[in-house]
N, C-alpha and C. Protein backbone atom coordinates (compact mmCIF):
# COMPACT_ATOMS: atom_id res chain seq x y z
N MET A 1 15.22 -11.93 30.33
CA MET A 1 15.57 -11.34 29.06
C MET A 1 15.04 -9.91 29.01
N ARG A 2 15.91 -8.98 28.61
CA ARG A 2 15.53 -7.58 28.52
C ARG A 2 15.12 -7.22 27.11
N VAL A 3 14.03 -6.49 27.01
CA VAL A 3 13.57 -6.03 25.71
C VAL A 3 14.32 -4.77 25.31
N PHE A 4 14.49 -3.86 26.26
CA PHE A 4 15.18 -2.61 26.00
C PHE A 4 16.60 -2.67 26.55
N PRO A 5 17.56 -2.12 25.82
CA PRO A 5 18.94 -2.12 26.31
C PRO A 5 19.07 -1.28 27.59
N PRO A 6 19.98 -1.66 28.47
CA PRO A 6 20.11 -0.93 29.74
C PRO A 6 20.82 0.42 29.61
N SER A 7 21.65 0.60 28.60
CA SER A 7 22.41 1.84 28.49
C SER A 7 21.65 2.88 27.65
N PRO A 8 21.87 4.15 27.93
CA PRO A 8 21.22 5.19 27.12
C PRO A 8 21.64 5.16 25.66
N ARG A 9 22.91 4.83 25.39
CA ARG A 9 23.38 4.75 24.00
C ARG A 9 22.69 3.60 23.26
N GLY A 10 22.47 2.49 23.94
CA GLY A 10 21.76 1.37 23.34
C GLY A 10 20.31 1.70 23.03
N ARG A 11 19.67 2.44 23.94
CA ARG A 11 18.28 2.85 23.69
C ARG A 11 18.21 3.83 22.52
N GLU A 12 19.22 4.66 22.40
CA GLU A 12 19.27 5.59 21.27
C GLU A 12 19.41 4.84 19.95
N ARG A 13 20.28 3.84 19.93
CA ARG A 13 20.44 3.01 18.73
C ARG A 13 19.14 2.29 18.38
N LEU A 14 18.44 1.81 19.40
CA LEU A 14 17.16 1.13 19.18
C LEU A 14 16.12 2.10 18.62
N LEU A 15 16.16 3.36 19.03
CA LEU A 15 15.22 4.36 18.55
C LEU A 15 15.44 4.66 17.07
N TYR A 16 16.69 4.74 16.63
CA TYR A 16 17.01 5.07 15.24
C TYR A 16 17.01 3.86 14.31
N PHE A 17 16.96 2.68 14.85
CA PHE A 17 17.04 1.46 14.04
C PHE A 17 15.93 1.37 12.97
N PRO A 18 14.65 1.62 13.29
CA PRO A 18 13.63 1.52 12.24
C PRO A 18 13.85 2.48 11.08
N PHE A 19 14.36 3.66 11.36
CA PHE A 19 14.60 4.63 10.29
C PHE A 19 15.75 4.18 9.41
N ARG A 20 16.78 3.61 10.01
CA ARG A 20 17.91 3.12 9.23
C ARG A 20 17.52 1.94 8.36
N VAL A 21 16.69 1.07 8.89
CA VAL A 21 16.23 -0.08 8.12
C VAL A 21 15.32 0.38 6.98
N TYR A 22 14.48 1.37 7.26
CA TYR A 22 13.56 1.87 6.23
C TYR A 22 14.32 2.41 5.03
N VAL A 23 15.39 3.14 5.27
CA VAL A 23 16.15 3.74 4.17
C VAL A 23 16.62 2.66 3.19
N VAL A 24 17.11 1.57 3.72
CA VAL A 24 17.65 0.51 2.86
C VAL A 24 16.52 -0.34 2.26
N LEU A 25 15.58 -0.77 3.09
CA LEU A 25 14.54 -1.68 2.59
C LEU A 25 13.55 -1.00 1.64
N ALA A 26 13.29 0.28 1.83
CA ALA A 26 12.38 0.98 0.92
C ALA A 26 12.97 1.03 -0.48
N MET A 27 14.27 1.24 -0.57
CA MET A 27 14.90 1.26 -1.89
C MET A 27 14.83 -0.10 -2.56
N LEU A 28 15.08 -1.15 -1.79
CA LEU A 28 14.97 -2.50 -2.35
C LEU A 28 13.54 -2.80 -2.78
N ALA A 29 12.58 -2.38 -2.00
CA ALA A 29 11.17 -2.61 -2.35
C ALA A 29 10.79 -1.85 -3.61
N VAL A 30 11.25 -0.62 -3.75
CA VAL A 30 10.95 0.17 -4.95
C VAL A 30 11.53 -0.52 -6.18
N GLU A 31 12.75 -0.98 -6.07
CA GLU A 31 13.38 -1.66 -7.21
C GLU A 31 12.64 -2.96 -7.57
N LEU A 32 12.28 -3.74 -6.55
CA LEU A 32 11.58 -5.00 -6.82
C LEU A 32 10.19 -4.77 -7.41
N VAL A 33 9.44 -3.85 -6.85
CA VAL A 33 8.08 -3.60 -7.34
C VAL A 33 8.13 -3.00 -8.74
N HIS A 34 9.04 -2.08 -8.97
CA HIS A 34 9.13 -1.48 -10.29
C HIS A 34 9.52 -2.50 -11.36
N GLY A 35 10.37 -3.43 -11.01
CA GLY A 35 10.76 -4.47 -11.96
C GLY A 35 9.64 -5.44 -12.29
N GLN A 36 8.69 -5.61 -11.39
CA GLN A 36 7.59 -6.55 -11.60
C GLN A 36 6.35 -5.91 -12.22
N MET A 37 6.30 -4.60 -12.27
CA MET A 37 5.10 -3.91 -12.77
C MET A 37 5.12 -3.83 -14.28
N PRO A 38 3.94 -3.76 -14.89
CA PRO A 38 3.90 -3.53 -16.34
C PRO A 38 4.42 -2.12 -16.66
N ARG A 39 4.64 -1.88 -17.92
CA ARG A 39 5.26 -0.62 -18.35
C ARG A 39 4.52 0.62 -17.85
N HIS A 40 3.21 0.61 -17.89
CA HIS A 40 2.43 1.77 -17.47
C HIS A 40 1.55 1.43 -16.27
N GLY A 41 2.12 0.76 -15.28
CA GLY A 41 1.37 0.41 -14.08
C GLY A 41 1.18 1.60 -13.16
N ASP A 42 0.21 1.50 -12.27
CA ASP A 42 -0.07 2.58 -11.32
C ASP A 42 0.85 2.42 -10.11
N PHE A 43 1.91 3.19 -10.11
CA PHE A 43 2.92 3.08 -9.08
C PHE A 43 3.08 4.39 -8.31
N GLY A 44 2.29 5.41 -8.68
CA GLY A 44 2.47 6.75 -8.16
C GLY A 44 2.16 6.91 -6.68
N VAL A 45 1.02 6.36 -6.22
CA VAL A 45 0.62 6.55 -4.83
C VAL A 45 1.59 5.85 -3.88
N GLY A 46 1.96 4.64 -4.18
CA GLY A 46 2.90 3.91 -3.33
C GLY A 46 4.25 4.60 -3.28
N LEU A 47 4.69 5.09 -4.41
CA LEU A 47 5.99 5.76 -4.45
C LEU A 47 5.94 7.11 -3.75
N LEU A 48 4.80 7.76 -3.77
CA LEU A 48 4.65 9.01 -3.03
C LEU A 48 4.75 8.76 -1.53
N LEU A 49 4.20 7.64 -1.06
CA LEU A 49 4.33 7.28 0.35
C LEU A 49 5.78 6.97 0.71
N VAL A 50 6.48 6.31 -0.19
CA VAL A 50 7.90 6.01 0.03
C VAL A 50 8.70 7.32 0.11
N ALA A 51 8.38 8.26 -0.77
CA ALA A 51 9.07 9.55 -0.76
C ALA A 51 8.80 10.32 0.54
N CYS A 52 7.57 10.25 1.03
CA CYS A 52 7.25 10.90 2.31
C CYS A 52 8.02 10.24 3.46
N GLY A 53 8.18 8.93 3.39
CA GLY A 53 8.98 8.23 4.39
C GLY A 53 10.44 8.65 4.35
N TYR A 54 10.96 8.87 3.14
CA TYR A 54 12.34 9.34 3.02
C TYR A 54 12.50 10.75 3.60
N VAL A 55 11.50 11.60 3.40
CA VAL A 55 11.56 12.95 3.97
C VAL A 55 11.56 12.88 5.49
N LEU A 56 10.72 12.02 6.05
CA LEU A 56 10.69 11.85 7.50
C LEU A 56 12.03 11.35 8.03
N CYS A 57 12.60 10.35 7.35
CA CYS A 57 13.91 9.83 7.76
C CYS A 57 14.99 10.90 7.65
N LEU A 58 14.92 11.70 6.61
CA LEU A 58 15.89 12.78 6.43
C LEU A 58 15.82 13.76 7.59
N LEU A 59 14.61 14.14 7.98
CA LEU A 59 14.45 15.06 9.11
C LEU A 59 14.99 14.45 10.40
N VAL A 60 14.69 13.18 10.64
CA VAL A 60 15.16 12.52 11.86
C VAL A 60 16.68 12.46 11.89
N PHE A 61 17.30 12.11 10.77
CA PHE A 61 18.76 11.98 10.75
C PHE A 61 19.45 13.34 10.86
N VAL A 62 18.90 14.37 10.23
CA VAL A 62 19.51 15.70 10.32
C VAL A 62 19.41 16.22 11.75
N LEU A 63 18.23 16.10 12.35
CA LEU A 63 18.08 16.55 13.74
C LEU A 63 18.98 15.75 14.69
N SER A 64 19.08 14.46 14.45
CA SER A 64 19.94 13.63 15.27
C SER A 64 21.41 14.03 15.12
N ALA A 65 21.84 14.31 13.90
CA ALA A 65 23.22 14.74 13.68
C ALA A 65 23.50 16.06 14.38
N ILE A 66 22.56 16.99 14.32
CA ILE A 66 22.74 18.27 15.00
C ILE A 66 22.85 18.07 16.51
N ILE A 67 21.97 17.24 17.06
CA ILE A 67 22.01 16.97 18.50
C ILE A 67 23.32 16.30 18.89
N HIS A 68 23.80 15.37 18.08
CA HIS A 68 25.05 14.69 18.40
C HIS A 68 26.25 15.63 18.31
N VAL A 69 26.24 16.55 17.38
CA VAL A 69 27.34 17.51 17.30
C VAL A 69 27.32 18.45 18.49
N VAL A 70 26.14 18.90 18.87
CA VAL A 70 26.03 19.80 20.02
C VAL A 70 26.48 19.10 21.31
N THR A 71 26.13 17.82 21.45
CA THR A 71 26.52 17.08 22.65
C THR A 71 27.90 16.43 22.53
N ARG A 72 28.60 16.71 21.44
CA ARG A 72 29.97 16.25 21.19
C ARG A 72 30.11 14.73 21.09
N HIS A 73 29.13 14.10 20.49
CA HIS A 73 29.23 12.67 20.14
C HIS A 73 29.50 12.61 18.64
N TYR A 74 30.74 12.82 18.27
CA TYR A 74 31.08 13.00 16.86
C TYR A 74 30.96 11.71 16.05
N GLU A 75 31.22 10.57 16.66
CA GLU A 75 31.09 9.31 15.92
C GLU A 75 29.64 9.06 15.54
N ALA A 76 28.73 9.31 16.46
CA ALA A 76 27.31 9.14 16.18
C ALA A 76 26.84 10.17 15.16
N ALA A 77 27.38 11.38 15.22
CA ALA A 77 27.02 12.42 14.24
C ALA A 77 27.50 12.03 12.85
N LEU A 78 28.68 11.43 12.77
CA LEU A 78 29.19 10.99 11.48
C LEU A 78 28.33 9.88 10.89
N LEU A 79 27.88 8.96 11.73
CA LEU A 79 26.99 7.90 11.27
C LEU A 79 25.66 8.48 10.80
N ASP A 80 25.15 9.46 11.51
CA ASP A 80 23.91 10.11 11.08
C ASP A 80 24.09 10.84 9.76
N CYS A 81 25.24 11.48 9.57
CA CYS A 81 25.52 12.15 8.30
C CYS A 81 25.61 11.14 7.16
N PHE A 82 26.16 9.98 7.44
CA PHE A 82 26.18 8.92 6.43
C PHE A 82 24.76 8.52 6.03
N PHE A 83 23.87 8.37 7.00
CA PHE A 83 22.50 8.01 6.68
C PHE A 83 21.74 9.16 6.03
N VAL A 84 22.11 10.40 6.33
CA VAL A 84 21.53 11.54 5.60
C VAL A 84 21.90 11.44 4.13
N LEU A 85 23.17 11.18 3.86
CA LEU A 85 23.63 11.04 2.48
C LEU A 85 22.95 9.87 1.79
N LEU A 86 22.86 8.75 2.47
CA LEU A 86 22.20 7.58 1.91
C LEU A 86 20.72 7.85 1.62
N THR A 87 20.06 8.55 2.52
CA THR A 87 18.65 8.88 2.32
C THR A 87 18.47 9.80 1.12
N VAL A 88 19.34 10.77 0.97
CA VAL A 88 19.24 11.69 -0.17
C VAL A 88 19.48 10.94 -1.48
N VAL A 89 20.49 10.11 -1.51
CA VAL A 89 20.80 9.37 -2.75
C VAL A 89 19.68 8.40 -3.10
N PHE A 90 19.21 7.62 -2.14
CA PHE A 90 18.14 6.67 -2.43
C PHE A 90 16.82 7.38 -2.73
N GLY A 91 16.54 8.48 -2.03
CA GLY A 91 15.33 9.24 -2.30
C GLY A 91 15.35 9.84 -3.69
N TYR A 92 16.48 10.39 -4.09
CA TYR A 92 16.60 10.95 -5.44
C TYR A 92 16.46 9.86 -6.50
N HIS A 93 17.04 8.72 -6.21
CA HIS A 93 16.95 7.60 -7.16
C HIS A 93 15.50 7.12 -7.31
N SER A 94 14.75 7.10 -6.23
CA SER A 94 13.37 6.63 -6.33
C SER A 94 12.45 7.69 -6.92
N LEU A 95 12.84 8.97 -6.89
CA LEU A 95 12.00 10.01 -7.48
C LEU A 95 11.93 9.91 -9.00
N ARG A 96 12.92 9.31 -9.61
CA ARG A 96 12.84 9.15 -11.08
C ARG A 96 11.70 8.22 -11.46
N TYR A 97 11.37 7.25 -10.59
CA TYR A 97 10.22 6.40 -10.86
C TYR A 97 8.92 7.15 -10.67
N LEU A 98 8.91 8.12 -9.77
CA LEU A 98 7.72 8.94 -9.57
C LEU A 98 7.46 9.82 -10.79
N ALA A 99 8.50 10.26 -11.45
CA ALA A 99 8.34 11.06 -12.66
C ALA A 99 7.76 10.23 -13.79
N ILE A 100 8.05 8.93 -13.81
CA ILE A 100 7.54 8.05 -14.85
C ILE A 100 6.06 7.74 -14.63
N ALA A 101 5.66 7.63 -13.34
CA ALA A 101 4.29 7.19 -13.02
C ALA A 101 3.24 8.19 -13.41
């Protein structure tokens, strides 16, 4: 059984997988935690860490999209642009909770 994929494209997908999962799961976690907290709970530090994670994911996806366009892998660049958009939308949505905290 192989842990790492044999192809370079598979290894690239494996490298970006944690960032793609973080974008989706962090938003779900923010929604779940915010729904369970009291009205004036201390949510600022955790949400600040989530926002920093979104900034890191945004940088990774933008750099990846630029690299894919330069190397003419347009399908991968389009997928990275989709995750850039998703990161911006989810990050902006979670920042409203930071303003409340």
